Amino acid sequence: MGGADDAGRPTPRISEEALQLLCKGHWPGNIRELKSLMRRAVLYADRELTPAHLLPLLRGTSTLAPAAVAELPESLTLEALERWAITQALKDSGGRKLQAAATLGIDYKRFQRKLVRYGLL
């Protein structure tokens, strides 16, 4: 990816949600724009690149399709992004909590606590 290698760090794995977010983007034949975004994003990620790493970089660009922008939380606080990611994972899994937790890379008990915390039960 470039960014992680340049910083002497291992390249993080990209989460399914982050990949979906990138797929919703508008990349009109300009792979350099995507490459630049990924270089910046991996500098903020440890083991896994998530939507929380991408959203601040995508906000204010014309990269996201209008439908994707409409789905983003108003606030870019960690809590708002986490709630959004959980909601998206639940939607993508058809409401299957165990699958949503696995998609997010967290154990089921932790996922349950977050559901309670964000009033998503």
PDB file of N, CA and C in Angstrom:
ATOM      1  N   MET A   1       0.809  -1.198   0.000  1.00  0.00           N
ATOM      2  CA  MET A   1       0.000   0.000   0.000  1.00  0.00           C
ATOM      3  C   MET A   1       0.849   1.259   0.000  1.00  0.00           C
ATOM      4  N   GLY A   2       2.042   1.153   0.499  1.00  0.00           N
ATOM      5  CA  GLY A   2       2.894   2.334   0.460  1.00  0.00           C
ATOM      6  C   GLY A   2       2.964   3.041   1.795  1.00  0.00           C
ATOM      7  N   GLY A   3       1.879   3.518   2.327  1.00  0.00           N
ATOM      8  CA  GLY A   3       1.864   4.301   3.555  1.00  0.00           C
ATOM      9  C   GLY A   3       2.417   3.544   4.742  1.00  0.00           C
ATOM     10  N   ALA A   4       1.942   2.338   4.958  1.00  0.00           N
ATOM     11  CA  ALA A   4       2.411   1.536   6.083  1.00  0.00           C
ATOM     12  C   ALA A   4       3.861   1.133   5.876  1.00  0.00           C
ATOM     13  N   ASP A   5       4.205   0.720   4.652  1.00  0.00           N
ATOM     14  CA  ASP A   5       5.583   0.335   4.361  1.00  0.00           C
ATOM     15  C   ASP A   5       6.534   1.496   4.595  1.00  0.00           C
ATOM     16  N   ASP A   6       6.146   2.682   4.137  1.00  0.00           N
ATOM     17  CA  ASP A   6       6.987   3.870   4.296  1.00  0.00           C
ATOM     18  C   ASP A   6       7.206   4.210   5.762  1.00  0.00           C
ATOM     19  N   ALA A   7       6.226   3.896   6.606  1.00  0.00           N
ATOM     20  CA  ALA A   7       6.318   4.204   8.026  1.00  0.00           C
ATOM     21  C   ALA A   7       6.959   3.057   8.809  1.00  0.00           C
ATOM     22  N   GLY A   8       7.340   1.982   8.113  1.00  0.00           N
ATOM     23  CA  GLY A   8       7.966   0.849   8.783  1.00  0.00           C
ATOM     24  C   GLY A   8       6.988   0.032   9.596  1.00  0.00           C
ATOM     25  N   ARG A   9       5.729   0.033   9.194  1.00  0.00           N
ATOM     26  CA  ARG A   9       4.688  -0.708   9.907  1.00  0.00           C
ATOM     27  C   ARG A   9       4.120  -1.778   8.992  1.00  0.00           C
ATOM     28  N   PRO A  10       3.563  -2.845   9.586  1.00  0.00           N
ATOM     29  CA  PRO A  10       2.930  -3.856   8.735  1.00  0.00           C
ATOM     30  C   PRO A  10       1.662  -3.285   8.083  1.00  0.00           C
ATOM     31  N   THR A  11       1.344  -3.763   6.909  1.00  0.00           N
ATOM     32  CA  THR A  11       0.150  -3.311   6.211  1.00  0.00           C
ATOM     33  C   THR A  11      -1.083  -3.890   6.909  1.00  0.00           C
ATOM     34  N   PRO A  12      -2.029  -3.032   7.310  1.00  0.00           N
ATOM     35  CA  PRO A  12      -3.221  -3.544   8.004  1.00  0.00           C
ATOM     36  C   PRO A  12      -4.165  -4.263   7.050  1.00  0.00           C
ATOM     37  N   ARG A  13      -4.969  -5.140   7.612  1.00  0.00           N
ATOM     38  CA  ARG A  13      -6.029  -5.816   6.876  1.00  0.00           C
ATOM     39  C   ARG A  13      -7.163  -4.821   6.700  1.00  0.00           C
ATOM     40  N   ILE A  14      -7.867  -4.871   5.575  1.00  0.00           N
ATOM     41  CA  ILE A  14      -8.981  -3.962   5.351  1.00  0.00           C
ATOM     42  C   ILE A  14     -10.274  -4.668   5.743  1.00  0.00           C
ATOM     43  N   SER A  15     -11.072  -4.035   6.592  1.00  0.00           N
ATOM     44  CA  SER A  15     -12.322  -4.648   7.039  1.00  0.00           C
ATOM     45  C   SER A  15     -13.318  -4.690   5.884  1.00  0.00           C
ATOM     46  N   GLU A  16     -14.274  -5.578   5.986  1.00  0.00           N
ATOM     47  CA  GLU A  16     -15.317  -5.704   4.966  1.00  0.00           C
ATOM     48  C   GLU A  16     -16.096  -4.397   4.831  1.00  0.00           C
ATOM     49  N   GLU A  17     -16.368  -3.733   5.961  1.00  0.00           N
ATOM     50  CA  GLU A  17     -17.116  -2.476   5.934  1.00  0.00           C
ATOM     51  C   GLU A  17     -16.328  -1.382   5.208  1.00  0.00           C
ATOM     52  N   ALA A  18     -15.021  -1.330   5.468  1.00  0.00           N
ATOM     53  CA  ALA A  18     -14.185  -0.338   4.793  1.00  0.00           C
ATOM     54  C   ALA A  18     -14.137  -0.606   3.295  1.00  0.00           C
ATOM     55  N   LEU A  19     -14.046  -1.880   2.941  1.00  0.00           N
ATOM     56  CA  LEU A  19     -14.039  -2.239   1.529  1.00  0.00           C
ATOM     57  C   LEU A  19     -15.354  -1.846   0.860  1.00  0.00           C
ATOM     58  N   GLN A  20     -16.465  -2.101   1.548  1.00  0.00           N
ATOM     59  CA  GLN A  20     -17.773  -1.717   1.009  1.00  0.00           C
ATOM     60  C   GLN A  20     -17.872  -0.202   0.844  1.00  0.00           C
ATOM     61  N   LEU A  21     -17.350   0.528   1.800  1.00  0.00           N
ATOM     62  CA  LEU A  21     -17.369   1.987   1.721  1.00  0.00           C
ATOM     63  C   LEU A  21     -16.567   2.466   0.509  1.00  0.00           C
ATOM     64  N   LEU A  22     -15.406   1.859   0.299  1.00  0.00           N
ATOM     65  CA  LEU A  22     -14.591   2.227  -0.858  1.00  0.00           C
ATOM     66  C   LEU A  22     -15.288   1.860  -2.167  1.00  0.00           C
ATOM     67  N   CYS A  23     -15.994   0.738  -2.161  1.00  0.00           N
ATOM     68  CA  CYS A  23     -16.721   0.314  -3.373  1.00  0.00           C
ATOM     69  C   CYS A  23     -17.878   1.254  -3.693  1.00  0.00           C
ATOM     70  N   LYS A  24     -18.409   1.918  -2.692  1.00  0.00           N
ATOM     71  CA  LYS A  24     -19.488   2.876  -2.920  1.00  0.00           C
ATOM     72  C   LYS A  24     -18.959   4.193  -3.491  1.00  0.00           C
ATOM     73  N   GLY A  25     -17.650   4.352  -3.432  1.00  0.00           N
ATOM     74  CA  GLY A  25     -17.039   5.589  -3.892  1.00  0.00           C
ATOM     75  C   GLY A  25     -17.067   5.737  -5.402  1.00  0.00           C
ATOM     76  N   HIS A  26     -16.827   6.939  -5.825  1.00  0.00           N
ATOM     77  CA  HIS A  26     -16.788   7.270  -7.243  1.00  0.00           C
ATOM     78  C   HIS A  26     -15.322   7.488  -7.610  1.00  0.00           C
ATOM     79  N   TRP A  27     -14.738   6.543  -8.307  1.00  0.00           N
ATOM     80  CA  TRP A  27     -13.328   6.596  -8.685  1.00  0.00           C
ATOM     81  C   TRP A  27     -13.258   6.595 -10.215  1.00  0.00           C
ATOM     82  N   PRO A  28     -13.510   7.727 -10.828  1.00  0.00           N
ATOM     83  CA  PRO A  28     -13.615   7.778 -12.291  1.00  0.00           C
ATOM     84  C   PRO A  28     -12.268   7.573 -12.993  1.00  0.00           C
ATOM     85  N   GLY A  29     -11.802   6.337 -12.960  1.00  0.00           N
ATOM     86  CA  GLY A  29     -10.564   6.017 -13.651  1.00  0.00           C
ATOM     87  C   GLY A  29      -9.323   6.622 -13.021  1.00  0.00           C
ATOM     88  N   ASN A  30      -9.445   7.118 -11.817  1.00  0.00           N
ATOM     89  CA  ASN A  30      -8.318   7.777 -11.186  1.00  0.00           C
ATOM     90  C   ASN A  30      -7.814   6.939 -10.017  1.00  0.00           C
ATOM     91  N   ILE A  31      -7.042   5.934 -10.324  1.00  0.00           N
ATOM     92  CA  ILE A  31      -6.520   5.050  -9.296  1.00  0.00           C
ATOM     93  C   ILE A  31      -5.548   5.790  -8.378  1.00  0.00           C
ATOM     94  N   ARG A  32      -4.948   6.879  -8.867  1.00  0.00           N
ATOM     95  CA  ARG A  32      -4.039   7.650  -8.018  1.00  0.00           C
ATOM     96  C   ARG A  32      -4.751   8.240  -6.812  1.00  0.00           C
ATOM     97  N   GLU A  33      -6.008   8.671  -7.003  1.00  0.00           N
ATOM     98  CA  GLU A  33      -6.784   9.232  -5.895  1.00  0.00           C
ATOM     99  C   GLU A  33      -7.032   8.167  -4.827  1.00  0.00           C
ATOM    100  N   LEU A  34      -7.413   6.982  -5.261  1.00  0.00           N
ATOM    101  CA  LEU A  34      -7.647   5.879  -4.330  1.00  0.00           C
ATOM    102  C   LEU A  34      -6.340   5.479  -3.639  1.00  0.00           C
ATOM    103  N   LYS A  35      -5.274   5.402  -4.391  1.00  0.00           N
ATOM    104  CA  LYS A  35      -3.972   5.030  -3.830  1.00  0.00           C
ATOM    105  C   LYS A  35      -3.524   6.047  -2.779  1.00  0.00           C
ATOM    106  N   SER A  36      -3.715   7.309  -3.054  1.00  0.00           N
ATOM    107  CA  SER A  36      -3.354   8.364  -2.114  1.00  0.00           C
ATOM    108  C   SER A  36      -4.178   8.256  -0.831  1.00  0.00           C
ATOM    109  N   LEU A  37      -5.456   8.019  -0.992  1.00  0.00           N
ATOM    110  CA  LEU A  37      -6.340   7.863   0.170  1.00  0.00           C
ATOM    111  C   LEU A  37      -5.880   6.693   1.031  1.00  0.00           C
ATOM    112  N   MET A  38      -5.560   5.576   0.392  1.00  0.00           N
ATOM    113  CA  MET A  38      -5.140   4.393   1.134  1.00  0.00           C
ATOM    114  C   MET A  38      -3.811   4.618   1.843  1.00  0.00           C
ATOM    115  N   ARG A  39      -2.907   5.333   1.214  1.00  0.00           N
ATOM    116  CA  ARG A  39      -1.624   5.641   1.866  1.00  0.00           C
ATOM    117  C   ARG A  39      -1.841   6.431   3.154  1.00  0.00           C
ATOM    118  N   ARG A  40      -2.747   7.400   3.089  1.00  0.00           N
ATOM    119  CA  ARG A  40      -3.027   8.208   4.286  1.00  0.00           C
ATOM    120  C   ARG A  40      -3.768   7.390   5.337  1.00  0.00           C
ATOM    121  N   ALA A  41      -4.725   6.581   4.906  1.00  0.00           N
ATOM    122  CA  ALA A  41      -5.561   5.831   5.850  1.00  0.00           C
ATOM    123  C   ALA A  41      -4.759   4.802   6.640  1.00  0.00           C
ATOM    124  N   VAL A  42      -3.834   4.102   5.991  1.00  0.00           N
ATOM    125  CA  VAL A  42      -3.097   3.054   6.699  1.00  0.00           C
ATOM    126  C   VAL A  42      -2.180   3.620   7.778  1.00  0.00           C
ATOM    127  N   LEU A  43      -1.865   4.886   7.703  1.00  0.00           N
ATOM    128  CA  LEU A  43      -1.038   5.493   8.749  1.00  0.00           C
ATOM    129  C   LEU A  43      -1.787   5.581  10.072  1.00  0.00           C
ATOM    130  N   TYR A  44      -3.116   5.580  10.007  1.00  0.00           N
ATOM    131  CA  TYR A  44      -3.934   5.692  11.217  1.00  0.00           C
ATOM    132  C   TYR A  44      -4.416   4.345  11.727  1.00  0.00           C
ATOM    133  N   ALA A  45      -4.284   3.300  10.927  1.00  0.00           N
ATOM    134  CA  ALA A  45      -4.786   1.978  11.304  1.00  0.00           C
ATOM    135  C   ALA A  45      -3.669   1.141  11.908  1.00  0.00           C
ATOM    136  N   ASP A  46      -4.036   0.293  12.855  1.00  0.00           N
ATOM    137  CA  ASP A  46      -3.055  -0.621  13.431  1.00  0.00           C
ATOM    138  C   ASP A  46      -3.087  -1.933  12.657  1.00  0.00           C
ATOM    139  N   ARG A  47      -3.966  -2.836  13.068  1.00  0.00           N
ATOM    140  CA  ARG A  47      -4.061  -4.129  12.408  1.00  0.00           C
ATOM    141  C   ARG A  47      -5.128  -4.178  11.335  1.00  0.00           C
ATOM    142  N   GLU A  48      -6.154  -3.325  11.483  1.00  0.00           N
ATOM    143  CA  GLU A  48      -7.269  -3.381  10.553  1.00  0.00           C
ATOM    144  C   GLU A  48      -7.715  -1.979  10.165  1.00  0.00           C
ATOM    145  N   LEU A  49      -7.922  -1.782   8.887  1.00  0.00           N
ATOM    146  CA  LEU A  49      -8.409  -0.517   8.348  1.00  0.00           C
ATOM    147  C   LEU A  49      -9.933  -0.577   8.340  1.00  0.00           C
ATOM    148  N   THR A  50     -10.578   0.365   9.020  1.00  0.00           N
ATOM    149  CA  THR A  50     -12.030   0.361   9.173  1.00  0.00           C
ATOM    150  C   THR A  50     -12.629   1.643   8.586  1.00  0.00           C
ATOM    151  N   PRO A  51     -13.970   1.710   8.493  1.00  0.00           N
ATOM    152  CA  PRO A  51     -14.594   2.955   8.032  1.00  0.00           C
ATOM    153  C   PRO A  51     -14.199   4.161   8.883  1.00  0.00           C
ATOM    154  N   ALA A  52     -13.941   3.941  10.163  1.00  0.00           N
ATOM    155  CA  ALA A  52     -13.537   5.055  11.035  1.00  0.00           C
ATOM    156  C   ALA A  52     -12.233   5.688  10.561  1.00  0.00           C
ATOM    157  N   HIS A  53     -11.359   4.924   9.916  1.00  0.00           N
ATOM    158  CA  HIS A  53     -10.116   5.467   9.381  1.00  0.00           C
ATOM    159  C   HIS A  53     -10.348   6.187   8.056  1.00  0.00           C
ATOM    160  N   LEU A  54     -11.341   5.727   7.296  1.00  0.00           N
ATOM    161  CA  LEU A  54     -11.588   6.275   5.961  1.00  0.00           C
ATOM    162  C   LEU A  54     -12.494   7.501   5.955  1.00  0.00           C
ATOM    163  N   LEU A  55     -13.499   7.504   6.811  1.00  0.00           N
ATOM    164  CA  LEU A  55     -14.507   8.562   6.761  1.00  0.00           C
ATOM    165  C   LEU A  55     -13.942   9.971   6.893  1.00  0.00           C
ATOM    166  N   PRO A  56     -13.027  10.220   7.821  1.00  0.00           N
ATOM    167  CA  PRO A  56     -12.484  11.587   7.889  1.00  0.00           C
ATOM    168  C   PRO A  56     -11.760  11.993   6.605  1.00  0.00           C
ATOM    169  N   LEU A  57     -11.183  11.036   5.921  1.00  0.00           N
ATOM    170  CA  LEU A  57     -10.467  11.321   4.676  1.00  0.00           C
ATOM    171  C   LEU A  57     -11.415  11.491   3.498  1.00  0.00           C
ATOM    172  N   LEU A  58     -12.568  10.827   3.562  1.00  0.00           N
ATOM    173  CA  LEU A  58     -13.549  10.898   2.477  1.00  0.00           C
ATOM    174  C   LEU A  58     -14.490  12.085   2.619  1.00  0.00           C
ATOM    175  N   ARG A  59     -14.726  12.507   3.849  1.00  0.00           N
ATOM    176  CA  ARG A  59     -15.655  13.607   4.109  1.00  0.00           C
ATOM    177  C   ARG A  59     -15.178  14.845   3.365  1.00  0.00           C
ATOM    178  N   GLY A  60     -16.073  15.495   2.678  1.00  0.00           N
ATOM    179  CA  GLY A  60     -15.732  16.719   1.965  1.00  0.00           C
ATOM    180  C   GLY A  60     -15.139  16.486   0.586  1.00  0.00           C
ATOM    181  N   THR A  61     -15.058  15.219   0.162  1.00  0.00           N
ATOM    182  CA  THR A  61     -14.575  14.942  -1.191  1.00  0.00           C
ATOM    183  C   THR A  61     -15.758  14.549  -2.051  1.00  0.00           C
ATOM    184  N   SER A  62     -15.559  14.506  -3.332  1.00  0.00           N
ATOM    185  CA  SER A  62     -16.621  14.072  -4.237  1.00  0.00           C
ATOM    186  C   SER A  62     -16.526  12.580  -4.494  1.00  0.00           C
ATOM    187  N   THR A  63     -15.695  11.898  -3.716  1.00  0.00           N
ATOM    188  CA  THR A  63     -15.457  10.480  -3.920  1.00  0.00           C
ATOM    189  C   THR A  63     -16.674   9.631  -3.579  1.00  0.00           C
ATOM    190  N   LEU A  64     -17.359   9.976  -2.488  1.00  0.00           N
ATOM    191  CA  LEU A  64     -18.500   9.171  -2.069  1.00  0.00           C
ATOM    192  C   LEU A  64     -19.715   9.472  -2.923  1.00  0.00           C
ATOM    193  N   ALA A  65     -20.395   8.421  -3.308  1.00  0.00           N
ATOM    194  CA  ALA A  65     -21.647   8.574  -4.041  1.00  0.00           C
ATOM    195  C   ALA A  65     -22.673   9.207  -3.110  1.00  0.00           C
ATOM    196  N   PRO A  66     -23.655   9.968  -3.633  1.00  0.00           N
ATOM    197  CA  PRO A  66     -24.654  10.614  -2.785  1.00  0.00           C
ATOM    198  C   PRO A  66     -25.354   9.657  -1.824  1.00  0.00           C
ATOM    199  N   ALA A  67     -25.650   8.449  -2.255  1.00  0.00           N
ATOM    200  CA  ALA A  67     -26.318   7.479  -1.370  1.00  0.00           C
ATOM    201  C   ALA A  67     -25.432   7.125  -0.185  1.00  0.00           C
ATOM    202  N   ALA A  68     -24.127   6.992  -0.420  1.00  0.00           N
ATOM    203  CA  ALA A  68     -23.202   6.664   0.664  1.00  0.00           C
ATOM    204  C   ALA A  68     -23.086   7.821   1.641  1.00  0.00           C
ATOM    205  N   VAL A  69     -23.058   9.054   1.146  1.00  0.00           N
ATOM    206  CA  VAL A  69     -22.967  10.228   2.010  1.00  0.00           C
ATOM    207  C   VAL A  69     -24.193  10.323   2.897  1.00  0.00           C
ATOM    208  N   ALA A  70     -25.361  10.001   2.354  1.00  0.00           N
ATOM    209  CA  ALA A  70     -26.600  10.068   3.128  1.00  0.00           C
ATOM    210  C   ALA A  70     -26.577   9.096   4.295  1.00  0.00           C
ATOM    211  N   GLU A  71     -25.837   7.999   4.170  1.00  0.00           N
ATOM    212  CA  GLU A  71     -25.783   6.994   5.228  1.00  0.00           C
ATOM    213  C   GLU A  71     -24.797   7.346   6.337  1.00  0.00           C
ATOM    214  N   LEU A  72     -23.878   8.246   6.081  1.00  0.00           N
ATOM    215  CA  LEU A  72     -22.851   8.562   7.060  1.00  0.00           C
ATOM    216  C   LEU A  72     -23.439   9.324   8.244  1.00  0.00           C
ATOM    217  N   PRO A  73     -22.852   9.113   9.438  1.00  0.00           N
ATOM    218  CA  PRO A  73     -23.329   9.868  10.591  1.00  0.00           C
ATOM    219  C   PRO A  73     -22.988  11.347  10.442  1.00  0.00           C
ATOM    220  N   GLU A  74     -23.824  12.194  11.037  1.00  0.00           N
ATOM    221  CA  GLU A  74     -23.581  13.644  10.993  1.00  0.00           C
ATOM    222  C   GLU A  74     -22.263  13.980  11.677  1.00  0.00           C
ATOM    223  N   SER A  75     -22.044  13.364  12.818  1.00  0.00           N
ATOM    224  CA  SER A  75     -20.857  13.628  13.611  1.00  0.00           C
ATOM    225  C   SER A  75     -19.793  12.578  13.302  1.00  0.00           C
ATOM    226  N   LEU A  76     -18.552  12.971  13.314  1.00  0.00           N
ATOM    227  CA  LEU A  76     -17.476  12.017  13.099  1.00  0.00           C
ATOM    228  C   LEU A  76     -16.811  11.611  14.402  1.00  0.00           C
ATOM    229  N   THR A  77     -17.564  11.687  15.507  1.00  0.00           N
ATOM    230  CA  THR A  77     -17.008  11.215  16.770  1.00  0.00           C
ATOM    231  C   THR A  77     -16.864   9.706  16.689  1.00  0.00           C
ATOM    232  N   LEU A  78     -15.980   9.161  17.501  1.00  0.00           N
ATOM    233  CA  LEU A  78     -15.763   7.721  17.514  1.00  0.00           C
ATOM    234  C   LEU A  78     -17.063   6.982  17.846  1.00  0.00           C
ATOM    235  N   GLU A  79     -17.826   7.507  18.790  1.00  0.00           N
ATOM    236  CA  GLU A  79     -19.090   6.863  19.157  1.00  0.00           C
ATOM    237  C   GLU A  79     -20.074   6.846  17.994  1.00  0.00           C
ATOM    238  N   ALA A  80     -20.190   7.968  17.283  1.00  0.00           N
ATOM    239  CA  ALA A  80     -21.111   8.033  16.147  1.00  0.00           C
ATOM    240  C   ALA A  80     -20.679   7.074  15.049  1.00  0.00           C
ATOM    241  N   LEU A  81     -19.390   7.010  14.791  1.00  0.00           N
ATOM    242  CA  LEU A  81     -18.889   6.102  13.762  1.00  0.00           C
ATOM    243  C   LEU A  81     -19.071   4.643  14.167  1.00  0.00           C
ATOM    244  N   GLU A  82     -18.851   4.358  15.447  1.00  0.00           N
ATOM    245  CA  GLU A  82     -19.025   2.993  15.924  1.00  0.00           C
ATOM    246  C   GLU A  82     -20.495   2.579  15.840  1.00  0.00           C
ATOM    247  N   ARG A  83     -21.388   3.451  16.252  1.00  0.00           N
ATOM    248  CA  ARG A  83     -22.819   3.164  16.170  1.00  0.00           C
ATOM    249  C   ARG A  83     -23.218   2.934  14.711  1.00  0.00           C
ATOM    250  N   TRP A  84     -22.696   3.768  13.814  1.00  0.00           N
ATOM    251  CA  TRP A  84     -22.989   3.628  12.387  1.00  0.00           C
ATOM    252  C   TRP A  84     -22.472   2.287  11.863  1.00  0.00           C
ATOM    253  N   ALA A  85     -21.240   1.923  12.238  1.00  0.00           N
ATOM    254  CA  ALA A  85     -20.653   0.660  11.777  1.00  0.00           C
ATOM    255  C   ALA A  85     -21.459  -0.532  12.282  1.00  0.00           C
ATOM    256  N   ILE A  86     -21.917  -0.471  13.529  1.00  0.00           N
ATOM    257  CA  ILE A  86     -22.722  -1.555  14.085  1.00  0.00           C
ATOM    258  C   ILE A  86     -24.056  -1.649  13.350  1.00  0.00           C
ATOM    259  N   THR A  87     -24.682  -0.508  13.120  1.00  0.00           N
ATOM    260  CA  THR A  87     -25.955  -0.476  12.398  1.00  0.00           C
ATOM    261  C   THR A  87     -25.784  -1.044  10.993  1.00  0.00           C
ATOM    262  N   GLN A  88     -24.705  -0.652  10.313  1.00  0.00           N
ATOM    263  CA  GLN A  88     -24.445  -1.163   8.961  1.00  0.00           C
ATOM    264  C   GLN A  88     -24.218  -2.667   8.978  1.00  0.00           C
ATOM    265  N   ALA A  89     -23.442  -3.148   9.949  1.00  0.00           N
ATOM    266  CA  ALA A  89     -23.161  -4.580  10.047  1.00  0.00           C
ATOM    267  C   ALA A  89     -24.445  -5.358  10.295  1.00  0.00           C
ATOM    268  N   LEU A  90     -25.325  -4.814  11.131  1.00  0.00           N
ATOM    269  CA  LEU A  90     -26.610  -5.471  11.370  1.00  0.00           C
ATOM    270  C   LEU A  90     -27.463  -5.486  10.103  1.00  0.00           C
ATOM    271  N   LYS A  91     -27.460  -4.367   9.391  1.00  0.00           N
ATOM    272  CA  LYS A  91     -28.236  -4.289   8.153  1.00  0.00           C
ATOM    273  C   LYS A  91     -27.689  -5.279   7.121  1.00  0.00           C
ATOM    274  N   ASP A  92     -26.375  -5.298   6.973  1.00  0.00           N
ATOM    275  CA  ASP A  92     -25.739  -6.179   5.984  1.00  0.00           C
ATOM    276  C   ASP A  92     -25.926  -7.658   6.319  1.00  0.00           C
ATOM    277  N   SER A  93     -26.055  -7.970   7.610  1.00  0.00           N
ATOM    278  CA  SER A  93     -26.208  -9.368   8.025  1.00  0.00           C
ATOM    279  C   SER A  93     -27.670  -9.775   8.144  1.00  0.00           C
ATOM    280  N   GLY A  94     -28.570  -8.886   7.762  1.00  0.00           N
ATOM    281  CA  GLY A  94     -29.996  -9.205   7.881  1.00  0.00           C
ATOM    282  C   GLY A  94     -30.448  -9.327   9.325  1.00  0.00           C
ATOM    283  N   GLY A  95     -29.783  -8.595  10.220  1.00  0.00           N
ATOM    284  CA  GLY A  95     -30.155  -8.618  11.634  1.00  0.00           C
ATOM    285  C   GLY A  95     -29.515  -9.742  12.432  1.00  0.00           C
ATOM    286  N   ARG A  96     -28.681 -10.534  11.801  1.00  0.00           N
ATOM    287  CA  ARG A  96     -28.023 -11.651  12.506  1.00  0.00           C
ATOM    288  C   ARG A  96     -26.851 -11.089  13.315  1.00  0.00           C
ATOM    289  N   LYS A  97     -27.034 -11.068  14.626  1.00  0.00           N
ATOM    290  CA  LYS A  97     -26.078 -10.421  15.516  1.00  0.00           C
ATOM    291  C   LYS A  97     -24.721 -11.111  15.542  1.00  0.00           C
ATOM    292  N   LEU A  98     -24.718 -12.434  15.561  1.00  0.00           N
ATOM    293  CA  LEU A  98     -23.458 -13.163  15.593  1.00  0.00           C
ATOM    294  C   LEU A  98     -22.638 -12.876  14.337  1.00  0.00           C
ATOM    295  N   GLN A  99     -23.296 -12.859  13.196  1.00  0.00           N
ATOM    296  CA  GLN A  99     -22.612 -12.551  11.940  1.00  0.00           C
ATOM    297  C   GLN A  99     -22.126 -11.099  11.923  1.00  0.00           C
ATOM    298  N   ALA A 100     -22.947 -10.174  12.425  1.00  0.00           N
ATOM    299  CA  ALA A 100     -22.555  -8.763  12.470  1.00  0.00           C
ATOM    300  C   ALA A 100     -21.322  -8.585  13.357  1.00  0.00           C
ATOM    301  N   ALA A 101     -21.305  -9.264  14.502  1.00  0.00           N
ATOM    302  CA  ALA A 101     -20.148  -9.185  15.400  1.00  0.00           C
ATOM    303  C   ALA A 101     -18.900  -9.714  14.715  1.00  0.00           C
ATOM    304  N   ALA A 102     -19.041 -10.827  14.012  1.00  0.00           N
ATOM    305  CA  ALA A 102     -17.895 -11.412  13.297  1.00  0.00           C
ATOM    306  C   ALA A 102     -17.405 -10.471  12.203  1.00  0.00           C
ATOM    307  N   THR A 103     -18.331  -9.840  11.503  1.00  0.00           N
ATOM    308  CA  THR A 103     -17.966  -8.891  10.448  1.00  0.00           C
ATOM    309  C   THR A 103     -17.166  -7.733  11.020  1.00  0.00           C
ATOM    310  N   LEU A 104     -17.552  -7.281  12.207  1.00  0.00           N
ATOM    311  CA  LEU A 104     -16.859  -6.163  12.856  1.00  0.00           C
ATOM    312  C   LEU A 104     -15.565  -6.591  13.539  1.00  0.00           C
ATOM    313  N   GLY A 105     -15.357  -7.907  13.641  1.00  0.00           N
ATOM    314  CA  GLY A 105     -14.125  -8.404  14.248  1.00  0.00           C
ATOM    315  C   GLY A 105     -14.106  -8.304  15.758  1.00  0.00           C
ATOM    316  N   ILE A 106     -15.298  -8.355  16.382  1.00  0.00           N
ATOM    317  CA  ILE A 106     -15.359  -8.313  17.847  1.00  0.00           C
ATOM    318  C   ILE A 106     -16.127  -9.530  18.347  1.00  0.00           C
ATOM    319  N   ASP A 107     -15.854  -9.923  19.600  1.00  0.00           N
ATOM    320  CA  ASP A 107     -16.556 -11.086  20.129  1.00  0.00           C
ATOM    321  C   ASP A 107     -18.013 -10.726  20.439  1.00  0.00           C
ATOM    322  N   TYR A 108     -18.831 -11.749  20.523  1.00  0.00           N
ATOM    323  CA  TYR A 108     -20.271 -11.552  20.639  1.00  0.00           C
ATOM    324  C   TYR A 108     -20.668 -10.823  21.927  1.00  0.00           C
ATOM    325  N   LYS A 109     -20.004 -11.128  23.052  1.00  0.00           N
ATOM    326  CA  LYS A 109     -20.336 -10.445  24.313  1.00  0.00           C
ATOM    327  C   LYS A 109     -20.076  -8.946  24.211  1.00  0.00           C
ATOM    328  N   ARG A 110     -18.947  -8.601  23.625  1.00  0.00           N
ATOM    329  CA  ARG A 110     -18.614  -7.177  23.447  1.00  0.00           C
ATOM    330  C   ARG A 110     -19.631  -6.512  22.521  1.00  0.00           C
ATOM    331  N   PHE A 111     -20.030  -7.221  21.463  1.00  0.00           N
ATOM    332  CA  PHE A 111     -21.032  -6.715  20.534  1.00  0.00           C
ATOM    333  C   PHE A 111     -22.352  -6.451  21.258  1.00  0.00           C
ATOM    334  N   GLN A 112     -22.759  -7.389  22.110  1.00  0.00           N
ATOM    335  CA  GLN A 112     -23.999  -7.238  22.883  1.00  0.00           C
ATOM    336  C   GLN A 112     -23.938  -5.993  23.772  1.00  0.00           C
ATOM    337  N   ARG A 113     -22.801  -5.773  24.422  1.00  0.00           N
ATOM    338  CA  ARG A 113     -22.647  -4.593  25.283  1.00  0.00           C
ATOM    339  C   ARG A 113     -22.766  -3.305  24.468  1.00  0.00           C
ATOM    340  N   LYS A 114     -22.227  -3.321  23.279  1.00  0.00           N
ATOM    341  CA  LYS A 114     -22.320  -2.131  22.416  1.00  0.00           C
ATOM    342  C   LYS A 114     -23.761  -1.900  21.937  1.00  0.00           C
ATOM    343  N   LEU A 115     -24.468  -2.975  21.671  1.00  0.00           N
ATOM    344  CA  LEU A 115     -25.874  -2.840  21.293  1.00  0.00           C
ATOM    345  C   LEU A 115     -26.663  -2.161  22.410  1.00  0.00           C
ATOM    346  N   VAL A 116     -26.421  -2.578  23.635  1.00  0.00           N
ATOM    347  CA  VAL A 116     -27.084  -1.979  24.789  1.00  0.00           C
ATOM    348  C   VAL A 116     -26.662  -0.516  24.920  1.00  0.00           C
ATOM    349  N   ARG A 117     -25.356  -0.268  24.830  1.00  0.00           N
ATOM    350  CA  ARG A 117     -24.810   1.082  24.980  1.00  0.00           C
ATOM    351  C   ARG A 117     -25.437   2.064  23.995  1.00  0.00           C
ATOM    352  N   TYR A 118     -25.627   1.623  22.744  1.00  0.00           N
ATOM    353  CA  TYR A 118     -26.157   2.505  21.709  1.00  0.00           C
ATOM    354  C   TYR A 118     -27.660   2.366  21.503  1.00  0.00           C
ATOM    355  N   GLY A 119     -28.315   1.598  22.376  1.00  0.00           N
ATOM    356  CA  GLY A 119     -29.763   1.447  22.299  1.00  0.00           C
ATOM    357  C   GLY A 119     -30.223   0.774  21.008  1.00  0.00           C
ATOM    358  N   LEU A 120     -29.469  -0.199  20.534  1.00  0.00           N
ATOM    359  CA  LEU A 120     -29.776  -0.868  19.267  1.00  0.00           C
ATOM    360  C   LEU A 120     -30.413  -2.241  19.442  1.00  0.00           C
ATOM    361  N   LEU A 121     -30.751  -2.594  20.658  1.00  0.00           N
ATOM    362  CA  LEU A 121     -31.400  -3.898  20.889  1.00  0.00           C
ATOM    363  C   LEU A 121     -32.826  -3.908  20.453  1.00  0.00           C
TER     364      LEU A 121
END
